[in-house]
C-alpha atoms as a PDB file:
ATOM      1  CA  MET A   1      19.062  -5.375 -22.617  1.00  0.00           C
ATOM      2  CA  ALA A   2      17.462  -8.117 -20.609  1.00  0.00           C
ATOM      3  CA  LYS A   3      20.089 -10.569 -19.489  1.00  0.00           C
ATOM      4  CA  HIS A   4      18.019 -13.506 -18.275  1.00  0.00           C
ATOM      5  CA  HIS A   5      14.561 -14.576 -19.434  1.00  0.00           C
ATOM      6  CA  LEU A   6      12.264 -17.000 -17.637  1.00  0.00           C
ATOM      7  CA  PHE A   7       9.358 -16.538 -20.084  1.00  0.00           C
ATOM      8  CA  ASN A   8       8.599 -16.043 -23.728  1.00  0.00           C
ATOM      9  CA  ILE A   9       7.532 -12.896 -25.561  1.00  0.00           C
ATOM     10  CA  LYS A  10       3.922 -14.076 -26.210  1.00  0.00           C
ATOM     11  CA  SER A  11       3.370 -14.809 -22.528  1.00  0.00           C
ATOM     12  CA  MET A  12       4.776 -11.375 -21.730  1.00  0.00           C
ATOM     13  CA  GLU A  13       2.282  -9.705 -24.053  1.00  0.00           C
ATOM     14  CA  ARG A  14      -0.563 -11.634 -22.410  1.00  0.00           C
ATOM     15  CA  ILE A  15       0.399 -10.708 -18.837  1.00  0.00           C
ATOM     16  CA  ALA A  16       0.620  -7.028 -19.769  1.00  0.00           C
ATOM     17  CA  GLU A  17      -3.040  -7.185 -20.814  1.00  0.00           C
ATOM     18  CA  ALA A  18      -4.217  -9.092 -17.709  1.00  0.00           C
ATOM     19  CA  ASN A  19      -4.811  -8.182 -14.103  1.00  0.00           C
ATOM     20  CA  SER A  20      -1.099  -7.565 -13.678  1.00  0.00           C
ATOM     21  CA  VAL A  21       1.583  -5.378 -12.161  1.00  0.00           C
ATOM     22  CA  VAL A  22       5.269  -4.967 -12.952  1.00  0.00           C
ATOM     23  CA  VAL A  23       7.466  -4.672  -9.849  1.00  0.00           C
ATOM     24  CA  ILE A  24      10.882  -3.313 -10.533  1.00  0.00           C
ATOM     25  CA  GLY A  25      13.380  -3.948  -7.687  1.00  0.00           C
ATOM     26  CA  LEU A  26      12.849  -7.107  -5.659  1.00  0.00           C
ATOM     27  CA  GLY A  27      14.520  -6.121  -2.429  1.00  0.00           C
ATOM     28  CA  ARG A  28      12.807  -6.441   0.945  1.00  0.00           C
ATOM     29  CA  PHE A  29      10.032  -3.956   0.039  1.00  0.00           C
ATOM     30  CA  GLY A  30       9.518  -4.867  -3.594  1.00  0.00           C
ATOM     31  CA  GLY A  31       9.849  -8.572  -3.042  1.00  0.00           C
ATOM     32  CA  ALA A  32       7.372  -8.714  -0.209  1.00  0.00           C
ATOM     33  CA  LEU A  33       4.922  -6.585  -2.197  1.00  0.00           C
ATOM     34  CA  ALA A  34       5.277  -8.748  -5.274  1.00  0.00           C
ATOM     35  CA  LEU A  35       4.619 -11.930  -3.282  1.00  0.00           C
ATOM     36  CA  GLU A  36       1.586 -10.379  -1.561  1.00  0.00           C
ATOM     37  CA  LEU A  37       0.194  -9.389  -4.990  1.00  0.00           C
ATOM     38  CA  VAL A  38       0.660 -12.936  -6.300  1.00  0.00           C
ATOM     39  CA  SER A  39      -1.014 -14.408  -3.199  1.00  0.00           C
ATOM     40  CA  SER A  40      -4.083 -12.209  -3.840  1.00  0.00           C
ATOM     41  CA  GLY A  41      -4.426 -13.381  -7.457  1.00  0.00           C
ATOM     42  CA  THR A  42      -2.569 -10.649  -9.330  1.00  0.00           C
ATOM     43  CA  GLU A  43      -0.115 -11.618 -12.037  1.00  0.00           C
ATOM     44  CA  VAL A  44       3.297 -10.108 -11.405  1.00  0.00           C
ATOM     45  CA  LEU A  45       6.352  -9.468 -13.628  1.00  0.00           C
ATOM     46  CA  GLY A  46       9.306  -9.055 -11.301  1.00  0.00           C
ATOM     47  CA  ILE A  47      12.472  -7.311 -12.573  1.00  0.00           C
ATOM     48  CA  ASP A  48      15.821  -7.017 -10.759  1.00  0.00           C
ATOM     49  CA  ASN A  49      19.393  -6.537 -11.813  1.00  0.00           C
ATOM     50  CA  ASP A  50      20.762  -9.125  -9.356  1.00  0.00           C
ATOM     51  CA  GLU A  51      20.975 -12.652 -10.672  1.00  0.00           C
ATOM     52  CA  ASP A  52      20.739 -14.279  -7.160  1.00  0.00           C
ATOM     53  CA  ILE A  53      17.618 -12.267  -6.291  1.00  0.00           C
ATOM     54  CA  VAL A  54      16.031 -13.204  -9.621  1.00  0.00           C
ATOM     55  CA  GLN A  55      16.711 -16.916  -9.042  1.00  0.00           C
ATOM     56  CA  SER A  56      15.268 -16.688  -5.490  1.00  0.00           C
ATOM     57  CA  PHE A  57      11.919 -15.599  -6.956  1.00  0.00           C
ATOM     58  CA  ASN A  58      11.861 -18.088  -9.763  1.00  0.00           C
ATOM     59  CA  GLY A  59       8.584 -20.050  -9.415  1.00  0.00           C
ATOM     60  CA  ARG A  60       7.265 -17.679  -6.851  1.00  0.00           C
ATOM     61  CA  LEU A  61       6.146 -14.877  -9.163  1.00  0.00           C
ATOM     62  CA  THR A  62       4.236 -15.171 -12.396  1.00  0.00           C
ATOM     63  CA  HIS A  63       7.374 -14.166 -14.350  1.00  0.00           C
ATOM     64  CA  VAL A  64      10.725 -12.900 -13.119  1.00  0.00           C
ATOM     65  CA  VAL A  65      13.658 -11.544 -15.119  1.00  0.00           C
ATOM     66  CA  ARG A  66      17.128 -10.146 -14.654  1.00  0.00           C
ATOM     67  CA  ALA A  67      17.367  -6.831 -16.499  1.00  0.00           C
ATOM     68  CA  ASP A  68      18.745  -3.284 -16.211  1.00  0.00           C
ATOM     69  CA  ALA A  69      15.581  -1.326 -15.675  1.00  0.00           C
ATOM     70  CA  THR A  70      17.349   1.975 -16.507  1.00  0.00           C
ATOM     71  CA  LYS A  71      17.592   0.920 -20.143  1.00  0.00           C
ATOM     72  CA  GLU A  72      14.575   1.703 -22.310  1.00  0.00           C
ATOM     73  CA  GLU A  73      15.330  -1.145 -24.712  1.00  0.00           C
ATOM     74  CA  ALA A  74      15.266  -3.693 -21.902  1.00  0.00           C
ATOM     75  CA  LEU A  75      11.896  -2.464 -20.597  1.00  0.00           C
ATOM     76  CA  ARG A  76      10.379  -2.432 -24.070  1.00  0.00           C
ATOM     77  CA  GLN A  77      11.578  -5.960 -24.716  1.00  0.00           C
ATOM     78  CA  LEU A  78       9.691  -6.995 -21.526  1.00  0.00           C
ATOM     79  CA  SER A  79       6.546  -5.118 -22.703  1.00  0.00           C
ATOM     80  CA  VAL A  80       6.708  -2.930 -19.605  1.00  0.00           C
ATOM     81  CA  HIS A  81       5.363  -0.061 -21.720  1.00  0.00           C
ATOM     82  CA  ASP A  82       2.074  -2.036 -22.032  1.00  0.00           C
ATOM     83  CA  PHE A  83       1.503  -2.360 -18.294  1.00  0.00           C
ATOM     84  CA  ASP A  84      -1.117  -0.134 -16.635  1.00  0.00           C
ATOM     85  CA  ARG A  85       0.421  -0.455 -13.135  1.00  0.00           C
ATOM     86  CA  ALA A  86       4.034  -0.417 -12.077  1.00  0.00           C
ATOM     87  CA  VAL A  87       5.889  -0.334  -8.782  1.00  0.00           C
ATOM     88  CA  VAL A  88       9.471   0.921  -8.504  1.00  0.00           C
ATOM     89  CA  GLY A  89      10.880  -0.667  -5.407  1.00  0.00           C
ATOM     90  CA  ILE A  90      14.496   0.335  -5.999  1.00  0.00           C
ATOM     91  CA  GLY A  91      15.870   2.016  -2.848  1.00  0.00           C
ATOM     92  CA  SER A  92      19.584   1.471  -2.613  1.00  0.00           C
ATOM     93  CA  ASP A  93      20.435   3.110  -5.948  1.00  0.00           C
ATOM     94  CA  LEU A  94      18.947   6.613  -6.149  1.00  0.00           C
ATOM     95  CA  GLU A  95      20.030   7.144  -9.764  1.00  0.00           C
ATOM     96  CA  ALA A  96      18.529   3.868 -10.924  1.00  0.00           C
ATOM     97  CA  SER A  97      15.292   4.644  -9.140  1.00  0.00           C
ATOM     98  CA  ILE A  98      15.012   8.075 -10.849  1.00  0.00           C
ATOM     99  CA  LEU A  99      16.004   6.778 -14.273  1.00  0.00           C
ATOM    100  CA  THR A 100      13.584   3.878 -14.124  1.00  0.00           C
ATOM    101  CA  THR A 101      10.740   6.085 -12.923  1.00  0.00           C
ATOM    102  CA  SER A 102      11.456   8.540 -15.687  1.00  0.00           C
ATOM    103  CA  LEU A 103      11.220   5.804 -18.317  1.00  0.00           C
ATOM    104  CA  LEU A 104       7.838   4.697 -16.923  1.00  0.00           C
ATOM    105  CA  LEU A 105       6.599   8.266 -17.054  1.00  0.00           C
ATOM    106  CA  ARG A 106       7.837   8.536 -20.646  1.00  0.00           C
ATOM    107  CA  PHE A 107       5.868   5.325 -21.410  1.00  0.00           C
ATOM    108  CA  LYS A 108       2.853   7.181 -19.983  1.00  0.00           C
ATOM    109  CA  THR A 109       2.211   4.292 -17.535  1.00  0.00           C
ATOM    110  CA  PRO A 110      -1.144   5.309 -16.010  1.00  0.00           C
ATOM    111  CA  THR A 111      -0.400   4.347 -12.399  1.00  0.00           C
ATOM    112  CA  ILE A 112       3.077   4.329 -10.783  1.00  0.00           C
ATOM    113  CA  TRP A 113       4.069   3.644  -7.196  1.00  0.00           C
ATOM    114  CA  ALA A 114       7.706   4.460  -6.377  1.00  0.00           C
ATOM    115  CA  LYS A 115       9.579   3.870  -3.159  1.00  0.00           C
ATOM    116  CA  ALA A 116      11.469   6.740  -1.573  1.00  0.00           C
ATOM    117  CA  VAL A 117      14.233   6.177   0.950  1.00  0.00           C
ATOM    118  CA  SER A 118      14.608   9.812   2.042  1.00  0.00           C
ATOM    119  CA  ALA A 119      12.742  13.143   2.003  1.00  0.00           C
ATOM    120  CA  ALA A 120      14.882  14.399  -0.887  1.00  0.00           C
ATOM    121  CA  HIS A 121      14.282  11.168  -2.831  1.00  0.00           C
ATOM    122  CA  GLY A 122      10.553  11.512  -2.304  1.00  0.00           C
ATOM    123  CA  GLN A 123      10.652  15.179  -3.386  1.00  0.00           C
ATOM    124  CA  ILE A 124      12.442  14.302  -6.594  1.00  0.00           C
ATOM    125  CA  LEU A 125       9.916  11.611  -7.397  1.00  0.00           C
ATOM    126  CA  GLU A 126       7.017  13.948  -6.736  1.00  0.00           C
ATOM    127  CA  GLN A 127       8.693  16.621  -8.943  1.00  0.00           C
ATOM    128  CA  LEU A 128       8.974  14.098 -11.744  1.00  0.00           C
ATOM    129  CA  GLY A 129       5.222  13.558 -11.541  1.00  0.00           C
ATOM    130  CA  VAL A 130       4.848  10.334  -9.573  1.00  0.00           C
ATOM    131  CA  GLU A 131       1.417  10.366  -7.995  1.00  0.00           C
ATOM    132  CA  HIS A 132       2.059   7.592  -5.435  1.00  0.00           C
ATOM    133  CA  VAL A 133       5.311   8.047  -3.525  1.00  0.00           C
ATOM    134  CA  ILE A 134       5.808   5.360  -0.905  1.00  0.00           C
ATOM    135  CA  ARG A 135       7.894   5.979   2.218  1.00  0.00           C
ATOM    136  CA  PRO A 136       7.797   2.607   3.997  1.00  0.00           C
ATOM    137  CA  GLU A 137       9.975   3.337   7.000  1.00  0.00           C
ATOM    138  CA  GLN A 138       8.560   6.847   7.548  1.00  0.00           C
ATOM    139  CA  ASP A 139       4.934   5.806   7.151  1.00  0.00           C
ATOM    140  CA  MET A 140       5.342   2.745   9.391  1.00  0.00           C
ATOM    141  CA  GLY A 141       7.180   4.814  12.037  1.00  0.00           C
ATOM    142  CA  ARG A 142       4.337   7.308  12.069  1.00  0.00           C
ATOM    143  CA  ARG A 143       1.727   4.604  12.296  1.00  0.00           C
ATOM    144  CA  VAL A 144       3.453   2.773  15.166  1.00  0.00           C
ATOM    145  CA  ALA A 145       3.916   6.068  17.003  1.00  0.00           C
ATOM    146  CA  HIS A 146       0.140   6.597  16.959  1.00  0.00           C
ATOM    147  CA  LEU A 147      -0.457   3.102  18.314  1.00  0.00           C
ATOM    148  CA  VAL A 148       2.126   3.452  21.056  1.00  0.00           C
ATOM    149  CA  ARG A 149       0.848   6.874  22.066  1.00  0.00           C
ATOM    150  CA  GLY A 150      -2.846   6.048  22.524  1.00  0.00           C
ATOM    151  CA  ALA A 151      -5.417   3.345  23.115  1.00  0.00           C
ATOM    152  CA  MET A 152      -5.687   2.499  19.433  1.00  0.00           C
ATOM    153  CA  LEU A 153      -5.542  -1.098  18.262  1.00  0.00           C
ATOM    154  CA  ASP A 154      -4.772  -0.129  14.659  1.00  0.00           C
ATOM    155  CA  TYR A 155      -4.468   3.038  12.704  1.00  0.00           C
ATOM    156  CA  VAL A 156      -4.653   4.146   9.022  1.00  0.00           C
ATOM    157  CA  GLU A 157      -4.104   7.790   8.087  1.00  0.00           C
ATOM    158  CA  PHE A 158      -4.853   9.117   4.625  1.00  0.00           C
ATOM    159  CA  ALA A 159      -2.996  11.954   2.881  1.00  0.00           C
ATOM    160  CA  ASP A 160      -5.819  14.508   3.243  1.00  0.00           C
ATOM    161  CA  GLY A 161      -5.897  14.446   7.065  1.00  0.00           C
ATOM    162  CA  PHE A 162      -8.501  11.727   7.400  1.00  0.00           C
ATOM    163  CA  ALA A 163      -7.965   8.586   9.506  1.00  0.00           C
ATOM    164  CA  MET A 164      -9.590   5.320  10.439  1.00  0.00           C
ATOM    165  CA  VAL A 165      -8.867   3.947  13.928  1.00  0.00           C
ATOM    166  CA  LYS A 166      -9.600   0.571  15.440  1.00  0.00           C
ATOM    167  CA  THR A 167     -10.267   0.918  19.163  1.00  0.00           C
ATOM    168  CA  ARG A 168     -12.621  -0.015  21.986  1.00  0.00           C
ATOM    169  CA  PRO A 169     -15.863   1.888  22.559  1.00  0.00           C
ATOM    170  CA  PRO A 170     -15.806   4.498  25.371  1.00  0.00           C
ATOM    171  CA  LYS A 171     -18.298   4.190  28.207  1.00  0.00           C
ATOM    172  CA  GLU A 172     -20.615   6.827  26.717  1.00  0.00           C
ATOM    173  CA  ALA A 173     -21.123   4.674  23.580  1.00  0.00           C
ATOM    174  CA  VAL A 174     -21.845   1.417  25.386  1.00  0.00           C
ATOM    175  CA  GLY A 175     -25.344   0.059  26.032  1.00  0.00           C
ATOM    176  CA  ARG A 176     -27.275   2.536  23.894  1.00  0.00           C
ATOM    177  CA  ALA A 177     -28.225   2.679  20.263  1.00  0.00           C
ATOM    178  CA  LEU A 178     -25.607   4.663  18.378  1.00  0.00           C
ATOM    179  CA  GLY A 179     -28.322   6.967  17.018  1.00  0.00           C
ATOM    180  CA  GLU A 180     -29.077   8.054  20.571  1.00  0.00           C
ATOM    181  CA  THR A 181     -25.463   8.752  21.668  1.00  0.00           C
ATOM    182  CA  GLY A 182     -24.826  11.919  19.694  1.00  0.00           C
ATOM    183  CA  ILE A 183     -21.240  10.805  19.102  1.00  0.00           C
ATOM    184  CA  ARG A 184     -21.050  12.224  15.634  1.00  0.00           C
ATOM    185  CA  SER A 185     -22.086  15.751  16.599  1.00  0.00           C
ATOM    186  CA  LYS A 186     -20.153  15.729  19.883  1.00  0.00           C
ATOM    187  CA  HIS A 187     -16.856  14.164  18.776  1.00  0.00           C
ATOM    188  CA  HIS A 188     -16.999  14.765  14.930  1.00  0.00           C
ATOM    189  CA  VAL A 189     -16.327  11.047  14.163  1.00  0.00           C
ATOM    190  CA  THR A 190     -18.400   8.184  12.808  1.00  0.00           C
ATOM    191  CA  ILE A 191     -18.300   4.651  14.154  1.00  0.00           C
ATOM    192  CA  VAL A 192     -18.515   2.739  10.859  1.00  0.00           C
ATOM    193  CA  ALA A 193     -18.045  -0.885  11.872  1.00  0.00           C
ATOM    194  CA  VAL A 194     -18.073  -3.177  14.924  1.00  0.00           C
ATOM    195  CA  LYS A 195     -16.711  -6.553  15.816  1.00  0.00           C
ATOM    196  CA  SER A 196     -18.241  -8.340  18.803  1.00  0.00           C
ATOM    197  CA  LEU A 197     -16.574 -11.236  20.610  1.00  0.00           C
ATOM    198  CA  ASN A 198     -16.413 -14.348  18.336  1.00  0.00           C
ATOM    199  CA  GLN A 199     -18.191 -12.451  15.555  1.00  0.00           C
ATOM    200  CA  ASP A 200     -17.180 -11.086  12.209  1.00  0.00           C
ATOM    201  CA  TRP A 201     -16.872  -7.397  11.410  1.00  0.00           C
ATOM    202  CA  ASP A 202     -20.159  -5.745  10.529  1.00  0.00           C
ATOM    203  CA  HIS A 203     -21.144  -2.209   9.517  1.00  0.00           C
ATOM    204  CA  THR A 204     -23.036  -0.155  12.074  1.00  0.00           C
ATOM    205  CA  THR A 205     -26.415   1.496  11.885  1.00  0.00           C
ATOM    206  CA  THR A 206     -28.223   3.981  14.162  1.00  0.00           C
ATOM    207  CA  SER A 207     -29.716   1.014  16.071  1.00  0.00           C
ATOM    208  CA  THR A 208     -26.406  -0.755  16.728  1.00  0.00           C
ATOM    209  CA  VAL A 209     -25.716  -1.229  20.462  1.00  0.00           C
ATOM    210  CA  LEU A 210     -22.079  -1.591  21.485  1.00  0.00           C
ATOM    211  CA  HIS A 211     -20.598  -3.642  24.331  1.00  0.00           C
ATOM    212  CA  PRO A 212     -17.473  -2.989  26.372  1.00  0.00           C
ATOM    213  CA  ASP A 213     -15.464  -5.820  24.788  1.00  0.00           C
ATOM    214  CA  ASP A 214     -16.395  -4.855  21.194  1.00  0.00           C
ATOM    215  CA  GLU A 215     -13.794  -3.558  18.739  1.00  0.00           C
ATOM    216  CA  ILE A 216     -14.880  -0.648  16.648  1.00  0.00           C
ATOM    217  CA  ILE A 217     -13.643   1.279  13.623  1.00  0.00           C
ATOM    218  CA  VAL A 218     -13.908   5.025  13.868  1.00  0.00           C
ATOM    219  CA  ALA A 219     -13.538   7.394  10.926  1.00  0.00           C
ATOM    220  CA  GLY A 220     -12.994  11.118  10.941  1.00  0.00           C
ATOM    221  CA  ALA A 221     -10.457  13.885  10.789  1.00  0.00           C
ATOM    222  CA  THR A 222      -7.109  12.568  12.129  1.00  0.00           C
ATOM    223  CA  ALA A 223      -7.060  14.645  15.319  1.00  0.00           C
ATOM    224  CA  ALA A 224     -10.748  13.935  16.113  1.00  0.00           C
ATOM    225  CA  ALA A 225     -10.286  10.159  15.581  1.00  0.00           C
ATOM    226  CA  GLU A 226      -7.205  10.149  17.793  1.00  0.00           C
ATOM    227  CA  ARG A 227      -8.963  12.039  20.547  1.00  0.00           C
ATOM    228  CA  PHE A 228     -11.941   9.702  20.471  1.00  0.00           C
ATOM    229  CA  ALA A 229      -9.602   6.656  20.876  1.00  0.00           C
ATOM    230  CA  THR A 230      -8.341   8.078  24.133  1.00  0.00           C
ATOM    231  CA  LEU A 231     -11.817   8.386  25.696  1.00  0.00           C
ATOM    232  CA  LEU A 232     -12.629   5.995  28.618  1.00  0.00           C
END
């Protein structure tokens, strides 16, 4: 049962119907995610079992409550079963993470993101049927490794082996219209956007001409995008 309410039931029913997300577990990951969602205009119900943590988020999230998220009655009292989107940020207690996620799946919550703190934890969540398993430390480590290893300025890799890389244009792409460079056929990547000095990002066309100091975003298969970022 919920132990500490900072809202009323009617407001809870309203938030479940709005542009809203329930975030369960307000540690470093869940707390930062919840605050970022609020800053972008999303209403957030934050749930944690620690009174001190709950109090620290009072007034910073749309609603925040102390509750045991492994108890179905507590989640139903908070209208969690009516939310379309939920994030399970519990990492320190494997059992609580699995039980909470199982309840959300039983509620048939359409979209669930769940944090995994180990390979085994992630595998269990996937076996339960969680579509979005988040591995913050592993994913960040992989991303930083790509940045350290090459000439990339930023890097985003997708699950199906596709990546987008921010880098500088190689010499062969400078001073000519992109449509004349043959980059796509030669390197199997597409330069999708460009940012010139003191300018905003803009999409590219076949007539776009790049300059040495430009920043570009390259899209393609992960290996091809990485190779392109190493060209001089």
